[in-house]
Amino acid sequence: MSSPDSEPKPKPLSSFERWRRNAMLATGFGVTEDERLEYLLDKTRQTCEEKKLRFMERSPAVVFMLKHLRAAGCDLPPSNMICGPCDRRSAGGFNPEKGVIVLCQGVFFGDAHMENAMVHEMIHMFDQCRFKVDWTNLRHHACSEIRANSLSGDCRFSRELRIGSLAFTKHHQDCVRRRAVTSVSRNFMCPDQATAERVVNEVFESCFKDTRPFDEIY
């Protein structure tokens, strides 16, 4: 009777077999729907992770935020910025309890969009680190959303033009306000859209002027 250690191990796939398997998974031929979905999610995650690392090394805005997070006592290693699937309403999220940022793989329509999302969530983390934000307090939440949308690049003219939501005067402020209202309205403590609009309007002027850690809106 042979022991488990003496059982023959499966031979590794040849280069051709690996190529054939990947081709099947990519096209969906000869594999189950679940296998193909798992493959596509893994490939999307790998792409997101590779870009994340590149931005953390080379993006001026991301490197700047990493430096200021570190100075504030909240270091952000790559392992605390995670790529994962999430609903298409968001490009990312910040978990203040765990100090983890989630990047929503597969929703980015370009590198600039992903870079902006990283900076956006890093500003939330900066606010949490420096100011101990109470995320159940709608005014606190609104202030951080105003700052994150204004300073991250989310409301640049080119971005607004791309999604067809553009005012020719004060487009930046209008975009910041609109996006902040949308985020606050999703807070479980917010009863309705009207409350989100009121809270954002109440804190907008002072929070919009606060560009820390940037010197100005870039």
C-alpha atoms as a PDB file:
ATOM      1  CA  MET A   1       0.000   0.000   0.000  1.00  0.00           C
ATOM      2  CA  SER A   2       1.525   3.290  -1.080  1.00  0.00           C
ATOM      3  CA  SER A   3       1.719   6.274   1.243  1.00  0.00           C
ATOM      4  CA  PRO A   4       0.330   9.680   0.239  1.00  0.00           C
ATOM      5  CA  ASP A   5       3.892  10.894  -0.220  1.00  0.00           C
ATOM      6  CA  SER A   6       4.529   8.248  -2.867  1.00  0.00           C
ATOM      7  CA  GLU A   7       1.504   9.124  -4.999  1.00  0.00           C
ATOM      8  CA  PRO A   8       2.501  10.625  -8.363  1.00  0.00           C
ATOM      9  CA  LYS A   9       2.099  14.381  -8.609  1.00  0.00           C
ATOM     10  CA  PRO A  10       0.268  15.854 -11.599  1.00  0.00           C
ATOM     11  CA  LYS A  11       2.571  17.013 -14.353  1.00  0.00           C
ATOM     12  CA  PRO A  12       2.742  20.792 -14.868  1.00  0.00           C
ATOM     13  CA  LEU A  13       0.993  22.049 -17.966  1.00  0.00           C
ATOM     14  CA  SER A  14       3.154  22.740 -20.990  1.00  0.00           C
ATOM     15  CA  SER A  15       3.366  26.259 -22.404  1.00  0.00           C
ATOM     16  CA  PHE A  16       0.951  25.278 -25.166  1.00  0.00           C
ATOM     17  CA  GLU A  17      -1.530  23.767 -22.710  1.00  0.00           C
ATOM     18  CA  ARG A  18      -1.414  26.918 -20.542  1.00  0.00           C
ATOM     19  CA  TRP A  19      -1.992  29.064 -23.625  1.00  0.00           C
ATOM     20  CA  ARG A  20      -4.873  26.838 -24.727  1.00  0.00           C
ATOM     21  CA  ARG A  21      -6.458  26.949 -21.268  1.00  0.00           C
ATOM     22  CA  ASN A  22      -6.189  30.736 -21.079  1.00  0.00           C
ATOM     23  CA  ALA A  23      -7.652  31.047 -24.574  1.00  0.00           C
ATOM     24  CA  MET A  24     -10.608  28.878 -23.550  1.00  0.00           C
ATOM     25  CA  LEU A  25     -11.173  30.945 -20.430  1.00  0.00           C
ATOM     26  CA  ALA A  26     -10.911  34.233 -22.327  1.00  0.00           C
ATOM     27  CA  THR A  27     -13.334  33.185 -25.066  1.00  0.00           C
ATOM     28  CA  GLY A  28     -15.647  31.037 -22.952  1.00  0.00           C
ATOM     29  CA  PHE A  29     -15.335  28.006 -25.227  1.00  0.00           C
ATOM     30  CA  GLY A  30     -14.960  24.664 -23.432  1.00  0.00           C
ATOM     31  CA  VAL A  31     -15.309  26.048 -19.910  1.00  0.00           C
ATOM     32  CA  THR A  32     -18.217  26.704 -17.577  1.00  0.00           C
ATOM     33  CA  GLU A  33     -19.659  30.166 -17.072  1.00  0.00           C
ATOM     34  CA  ASP A  34     -18.426  30.181 -13.458  1.00  0.00           C
ATOM     35  CA  GLU A  35     -14.877  29.281 -14.549  1.00  0.00           C
ATOM     36  CA  ARG A  36     -14.839  32.069 -17.111  1.00  0.00           C
ATOM     37  CA  LEU A  37     -16.257  34.618 -14.648  1.00  0.00           C
ATOM     38  CA  GLU A  38     -13.608  33.674 -12.072  1.00  0.00           C
ATOM     39  CA  TYR A  39     -10.900  34.026 -14.718  1.00  0.00           C
ATOM     40  CA  LEU A  40     -12.138  37.455 -15.861  1.00  0.00           C
ATOM     41  CA  LEU A  41     -12.423  38.743 -12.282  1.00  0.00           C
ATOM     42  CA  ASP A  42      -8.892  37.559 -11.535  1.00  0.00           C
ATOM     43  CA  LYS A  43      -7.502  39.208 -14.692  1.00  0.00           C
ATOM     44  CA  THR A  44      -9.312  42.461 -13.855  1.00  0.00           C
ATOM     45  CA  ARG A  45      -7.932  42.344 -10.320  1.00  0.00           C
ATOM     46  CA  GLN A  46      -4.387  41.728 -11.587  1.00  0.00           C
ATOM     47  CA  THR A  47      -4.626  44.708 -13.956  1.00  0.00           C
ATOM     48  CA  CYS A  48      -5.962  46.910 -11.145  1.00  0.00           C
ATOM     49  CA  GLU A  49      -3.195  45.801  -8.759  1.00  0.00           C
ATOM     50  CA  GLU A  50      -0.470  46.459 -11.342  1.00  0.00           C
ATOM     51  CA  LYS A  51      -1.765  49.952 -12.050  1.00  0.00           C
ATOM     52  CA  LYS A  52      -2.182  50.655  -8.342  1.00  0.00           C
ATOM     53  CA  LEU A  53       1.478  49.863  -7.676  1.00  0.00           C
ATOM     54  CA  ARG A  54       2.556  51.986 -10.638  1.00  0.00           C
ATOM     55  CA  PHE A  55       0.547  54.971  -9.381  1.00  0.00           C
ATOM     56  CA  MET A  56       1.932  54.538  -5.859  1.00  0.00           C
ATOM     57  CA  GLU A  57       5.440  54.742  -7.302  1.00  0.00           C
ATOM     58  CA  ARG A  58       5.037  57.322 -10.079  1.00  0.00           C
ATOM     59  CA  SER A  59       1.886  59.446  -9.778  1.00  0.00           C
ATOM     60  CA  PRO A  60       2.806  62.888  -8.359  1.00  0.00           C
ATOM     61  CA  ALA A  61      -0.582  63.270  -6.654  1.00  0.00           C
ATOM     62  CA  VAL A  62      -0.616  59.755  -5.171  1.00  0.00           C
ATOM     63  CA  VAL A  63       3.022  59.989  -4.007  1.00  0.00           C
ATOM     64  CA  PHE A  64       2.237  63.401  -2.482  1.00  0.00           C
ATOM     65  CA  MET A  65      -0.702  61.965  -0.538  1.00  0.00           C
ATOM     66  CA  LEU A  66       1.341  58.961   0.618  1.00  0.00           C
ATOM     67  CA  LYS A  67       3.971  61.357   1.979  1.00  0.00           C
ATOM     68  CA  HIS A  68       1.419  63.433   3.892  1.00  0.00           C
ATOM     69  CA  LEU A  69      -0.416  60.395   5.223  1.00  0.00           C
ATOM     70  CA  ARG A  70       2.898  59.100   6.539  1.00  0.00           C
ATOM     71  CA  ALA A  71       3.678  62.488   8.125  1.00  0.00           C
ATOM     72  CA  ALA A  72       0.254  62.456   9.793  1.00  0.00           C
ATOM     73  CA  GLY A  73       0.973  59.034  11.306  1.00  0.00           C
ATOM     74  CA  CYS A  74      -1.188  57.002   8.929  1.00  0.00           C
ATOM     75  CA  ASP A  75       1.115  55.030   6.671  1.00  0.00           C
ATOM     76  CA  LEU A  76      -0.634  53.398   3.716  1.00  0.00           C
ATOM     77  CA  PRO A  77       1.182  50.267   2.486  1.00  0.00           C
ATOM     78  CA  PRO A  78       0.086  48.701  -0.831  1.00  0.00           C
ATOM     79  CA  SER A  79      -1.537  45.851   1.113  1.00  0.00           C
ATOM     80  CA  ASN A  80      -4.012  48.355   2.601  1.00  0.00           C
ATOM     81  CA  MET A  81      -5.190  49.513  -0.814  1.00  0.00           C
ATOM     82  CA  ILE A  82      -7.154  46.582  -2.195  1.00  0.00           C
ATOM     83  CA  CYS A  83      -8.594  45.959  -5.652  1.00  0.00           C
ATOM     84  CA  GLY A  84     -11.913  44.145  -5.577  1.00  0.00           C
ATOM     85  CA  PRO A  85     -15.327  43.891  -7.241  1.00  0.00           C
ATOM     86  CA  CYS A  86     -18.063  46.219  -6.021  1.00  0.00           C
ATOM     87  CA  ASP A  87     -21.233  47.825  -7.334  1.00  0.00           C
ATOM     88  CA  ARG A  88     -20.872  50.203 -10.256  1.00  0.00           C
ATOM     89  CA  ARG A  89     -22.137  53.231  -8.324  1.00  0.00           C
ATOM     90  CA  SER A  90     -18.674  53.817  -6.869  1.00  0.00           C
ATOM     91  CA  ALA A  91     -15.051  53.804  -7.986  1.00  0.00           C
ATOM     92  CA  GLY A  92     -13.694  53.187  -4.503  1.00  0.00           C
ATOM     93  CA  GLY A  93     -14.284  53.310  -0.786  1.00  0.00           C
ATOM     94  CA  PHE A  94     -12.531  53.899   2.517  1.00  0.00           C
ATOM     95  CA  ASN A  95     -12.995  51.752   5.623  1.00  0.00           C
ATOM     96  CA  PRO A  96     -12.002  53.992   8.563  1.00  0.00           C
ATOM     97  CA  GLU A  97     -12.094  51.154  11.119  1.00  0.00           C
ATOM     98  CA  LYS A  98      -9.540  49.033   9.262  1.00  0.00           C
ATOM     99  CA  GLY A  99      -7.629  51.835   7.539  1.00  0.00           C
ATOM    100  CA  VAL A 100      -8.221  50.112   4.192  1.00  0.00           C
ATOM    101  CA  ILE A 101      -8.998  51.649   0.801  1.00  0.00           C
ATOM    102  CA  VAL A 102     -10.911  49.588  -1.757  1.00  0.00           C
ATOM    103  CA  LEU A 103     -10.512  50.263  -5.482  1.00  0.00           C
ATOM    104  CA  CYS A 104     -13.442  49.010  -7.544  1.00  0.00           C
ATOM    105  CA  GLN A 105     -11.829  46.905 -10.235  1.00  0.00           C
ATOM    106  CA  GLY A 106     -13.437  46.964 -13.658  1.00  0.00           C
ATOM    107  CA  VAL A 107     -15.249  50.300 -13.301  1.00  0.00           C
ATOM    108  CA  PHE A 108     -12.457  52.661 -14.334  1.00  0.00           C
ATOM    109  CA  PHE A 109     -12.794  54.108 -17.826  1.00  0.00           C
ATOM    110  CA  GLY A 110      -9.112  55.117 -17.930  1.00  0.00           C
ATOM    111  CA  ASP A 111      -5.933  55.562 -15.920  1.00  0.00           C
ATOM    112  CA  ALA A 112      -6.830  59.135 -14.935  1.00  0.00           C
ATOM    113  CA  HIS A 113     -10.147  57.932 -13.484  1.00  0.00           C
ATOM    114  CA  MET A 114      -8.363  55.336 -11.342  1.00  0.00           C
ATOM    115  CA  GLU A 115      -5.719  57.841 -10.233  1.00  0.00           C
ATOM    116  CA  ASN A 116      -8.433  60.309  -9.197  1.00  0.00           C
ATOM    117  CA  ALA A 117     -10.251  57.571  -7.265  1.00  0.00           C
ATOM    118  CA  MET A 118      -7.072  56.696  -5.365  1.00  0.00           C
ATOM    119  CA  VAL A 119      -6.459  60.329  -4.399  1.00  0.00           C
ATOM    120  CA  HIS A 120     -10.135  60.775  -3.477  1.00  0.00           C
ATOM    121  CA  GLU A 121     -10.058  57.899  -0.990  1.00  0.00           C
ATOM    122  CA  MET A 122      -6.637  58.960   0.328  1.00  0.00           C
ATOM    123  CA  ILE A 123      -8.083  62.388   1.178  1.00  0.00           C
ATOM    124  CA  HIS A 124     -10.811  60.642   3.195  1.00  0.00           C
ATOM    125  CA  MET A 125      -8.061  58.712   4.982  1.00  0.00           C
ATOM    126  CA  PHE A 126      -6.118  61.927   5.596  1.00  0.00           C
ATOM    127  CA  ASP A 127      -9.209  63.548   7.091  1.00  0.00           C
ATOM    128  CA  GLN A 128      -9.787  60.532   9.315  1.00  0.00           C
ATOM    129  CA  CYS A 129      -6.166  60.570  10.465  1.00  0.00           C
ATOM    130  CA  ARG A 130      -5.904  64.300  11.133  1.00  0.00           C
ATOM    131  CA  PHE A 131      -9.415  65.229  12.229  1.00  0.00           C
ATOM    132  CA  LYS A 132     -10.959  61.985  13.568  1.00  0.00           C
ATOM    133  CA  VAL A 133     -14.031  62.214  11.344  1.00  0.00           C
ATOM    134  CA  ASP A 134     -17.317  60.872  12.716  1.00  0.00           C
ATOM    135  CA  TRP A 135     -18.748  59.312   9.561  1.00  0.00           C
ATOM    136  CA  THR A 136     -22.203  59.037  11.130  1.00  0.00           C
ATOM    137  CA  ASN A 137     -22.226  62.837  11.478  1.00  0.00           C
ATOM    138  CA  LEU A 138     -23.572  64.084   8.150  1.00  0.00           C
ATOM    139  CA  ARG A 139     -21.756  67.423   8.419  1.00  0.00           C
ATOM    140  CA  HIS A 140     -18.420  65.639   8.930  1.00  0.00           C
ATOM    141  CA  HIS A 141     -19.133  63.296   6.043  1.00  0.00           C
ATOM    142  CA  ALA A 142     -20.207  66.154   3.789  1.00  0.00           C
ATOM    143  CA  CYS A 143     -17.050  68.144   4.534  1.00  0.00           C
ATOM    144  CA  SER A 144     -14.754  65.255   3.665  1.00  0.00           C
ATOM    145  CA  GLU A 145     -16.708  64.549   0.454  1.00  0.00           C
ATOM    146  CA  ILE A 146     -16.470  68.196  -0.595  1.00  0.00           C
ATOM    147  CA  ARG A 147     -12.718  68.169  -0.052  1.00  0.00           C
ATOM    148  CA  ALA A 148     -12.176  64.794  -1.729  1.00  0.00           C
ATOM    149  CA  ASN A 149     -14.191  65.680  -4.822  1.00  0.00           C
ATOM    150  CA  SER A 150     -12.555  69.093  -5.134  1.00  0.00           C
ATOM    151  CA  LEU A 151      -8.931  68.040  -4.589  1.00  0.00           C
ATOM    152  CA  SER A 152      -8.780  64.621  -6.262  1.00  0.00           C
ATOM    153  CA  GLY A 153      -9.328  65.696  -9.867  1.00  0.00           C
ATOM    154  CA  ASP A 154     -12.816  64.175  -9.966  1.00  0.00           C
ATOM    155  CA  CYS A 155     -14.267  67.499 -11.107  1.00  0.00           C
ATOM    156  CA  ARG A 156     -11.743  68.558 -13.715  1.00  0.00           C
ATOM    157  CA  PHE A 157     -13.247  70.169 -16.822  1.00  0.00           C
ATOM    158  CA  SER A 158     -12.184  67.239 -19.050  1.00  0.00           C
ATOM    159  CA  ARG A 159     -13.795  64.689 -16.723  1.00  0.00           C
ATOM    160  CA  GLU A 160     -17.068  66.568 -16.595  1.00  0.00           C
ATOM    161  CA  LEU A 161     -17.032  67.015 -20.366  1.00  0.00           C
ATOM    162  CA  ARG A 162     -16.585  63.252 -20.793  1.00  0.00           C
ATOM    163  CA  ILE A 163     -19.682  62.372 -18.758  1.00  0.00           C
ATOM    164  CA  GLY A 164     -21.757  65.173 -20.292  1.00  0.00           C
ATOM    165  CA  SER A 165     -22.398  67.017 -17.029  1.00  0.00           C
ATOM    166  CA  LEU A 166     -20.956  70.456 -17.502  1.00  0.00           C
ATOM    167  CA  ALA A 167     -21.879  74.005 -16.624  1.00  0.00           C
ATOM    168  CA  PHE A 168     -19.948  76.764 -18.366  1.00  0.00           C
ATOM    169  CA  THR A 169     -19.695  78.843 -15.191  1.00  0.00           C
ATOM    170  CA  LYS A 170     -18.583  77.510 -11.813  1.00  0.00           C
ATOM    171  CA  HIS A 171     -18.531  73.970 -13.205  1.00  0.00           C
ATOM    172  CA  HIS A 172     -15.991  72.864 -10.598  1.00  0.00           C
ATOM    173  CA  GLN A 173     -18.063  73.997  -7.617  1.00  0.00           C
ATOM    174  CA  ASP A 174     -21.258  72.597  -9.139  1.00  0.00           C
ATOM    175  CA  CYS A 175     -19.593  69.229  -9.718  1.00  0.00           C
ATOM    176  CA  VAL A 176     -18.165  69.105  -6.192  1.00  0.00           C
ATOM    177  CA  ARG A 177     -21.547  69.963  -4.697  1.00  0.00           C
ATOM    178  CA  ARG A 178     -23.426  67.425  -6.845  1.00  0.00           C
ATOM    179  CA  ARG A 179     -21.037  64.562  -6.099  1.00  0.00           C
ATOM    180  CA  ALA A 180     -20.939  65.367  -2.378  1.00  0.00           C
ATOM    181  CA  VAL A 181     -24.740  65.322  -2.191  1.00  0.00           C
ATOM    182  CA  THR A 182     -24.832  61.929  -3.921  1.00  0.00           C
ATOM    183  CA  SER A 183     -22.331  60.434  -1.463  1.00  0.00           C
ATOM    184  CA  VAL A 184     -23.964  61.896   1.659  1.00  0.00           C
ATOM    185  CA  SER A 185     -27.393  60.700   0.513  1.00  0.00           C
ATOM    186  CA  ARG A 186     -26.028  57.127   0.659  1.00  0.00           C
ATOM    187  CA  ASN A 187     -25.007  57.502   4.297  1.00  0.00           C
ATOM    188  CA  PHE A 188     -27.320  55.257   6.361  1.00  0.00           C
ATOM    189  CA  MET A 189     -27.859  58.207   8.741  1.00  0.00           C
ATOM    190  CA  CYS A 190     -29.244  60.390   5.935  1.00  0.00           C
ATOM    191  CA  PRO A 191     -33.054  60.169   5.681  1.00  0.00           C
ATOM    192  CA  ASP A 192     -33.462  61.692   2.210  1.00  0.00           C
ATOM    193  CA  GLN A 193     -31.930  63.658  -0.654  1.00  0.00           C
ATOM    194  CA  ALA A 194     -33.183  66.981   0.689  1.00  0.00           C
ATOM    195  CA  THR A 195     -31.261  66.452   3.925  1.00  0.00           C
ATOM    196  CA  ALA A 196     -28.091  65.651   1.991  1.00  0.00           C
ATOM    197  CA  GLU A 197     -28.465  68.832  -0.060  1.00  0.00           C
ATOM    198  CA  ARG A 198     -29.071  70.958   3.044  1.00  0.00           C
ATOM    199  CA  VAL A 199     -26.073  69.565   4.931  1.00  0.00           C
ATOM    200  CA  VAL A 200     -23.719  69.956   1.971  1.00  0.00           C
ATOM    201  CA  ASN A 201     -24.850  73.556   1.475  1.00  0.00           C
ATOM    202  CA  GLU A 202     -24.326  74.343   5.159  1.00  0.00           C
ATOM    203  CA  VAL A 203     -20.661  73.327   5.183  1.00  0.00           C
ATOM    204  CA  PHE A 204     -19.762  73.930   1.535  1.00  0.00           C
ATOM    205  CA  GLU A 205     -18.033  77.311   1.758  1.00  0.00           C
ATOM    206  CA  SER A 206     -15.659  76.513   4.612  1.00  0.00           C
ATOM    207  CA  CYS A 207     -14.847  72.959   3.476  1.00  0.00           C
ATOM    208  CA  PHE A 208     -14.321  73.942  -0.165  1.00  0.00           C
ATOM    209  CA  LYS A 209     -11.710  76.494   0.941  1.00  0.00           C
ATOM    210  CA  ASP A 210      -9.813  73.872   2.976  1.00  0.00           C
ATOM    211  CA  THR A 211      -7.263  72.402   0.541  1.00  0.00           C
ATOM    212  CA  ARG A 212      -5.011  70.611   3.055  1.00  0.00           C
ATOM    213  CA  PRO A 213      -2.592  68.931   2.458  1.00  0.00           C
ATOM    214  CA  PHE A 214      -2.453  70.650  -0.970  1.00  0.00           C
ATOM    215  CA  ASP A 215      -1.577  74.332  -1.245  1.00  0.00           C
ATOM    216  CA  GLU A 216      -4.393  74.787  -3.735  1.00  0.00           C
ATOM    217  CA  ILE A 217      -6.771  72.868  -5.999  1.00  0.00           C
ATOM    218  CA  TYR A 218      -4.530  71.247  -8.582  1.00  0.00           C
END
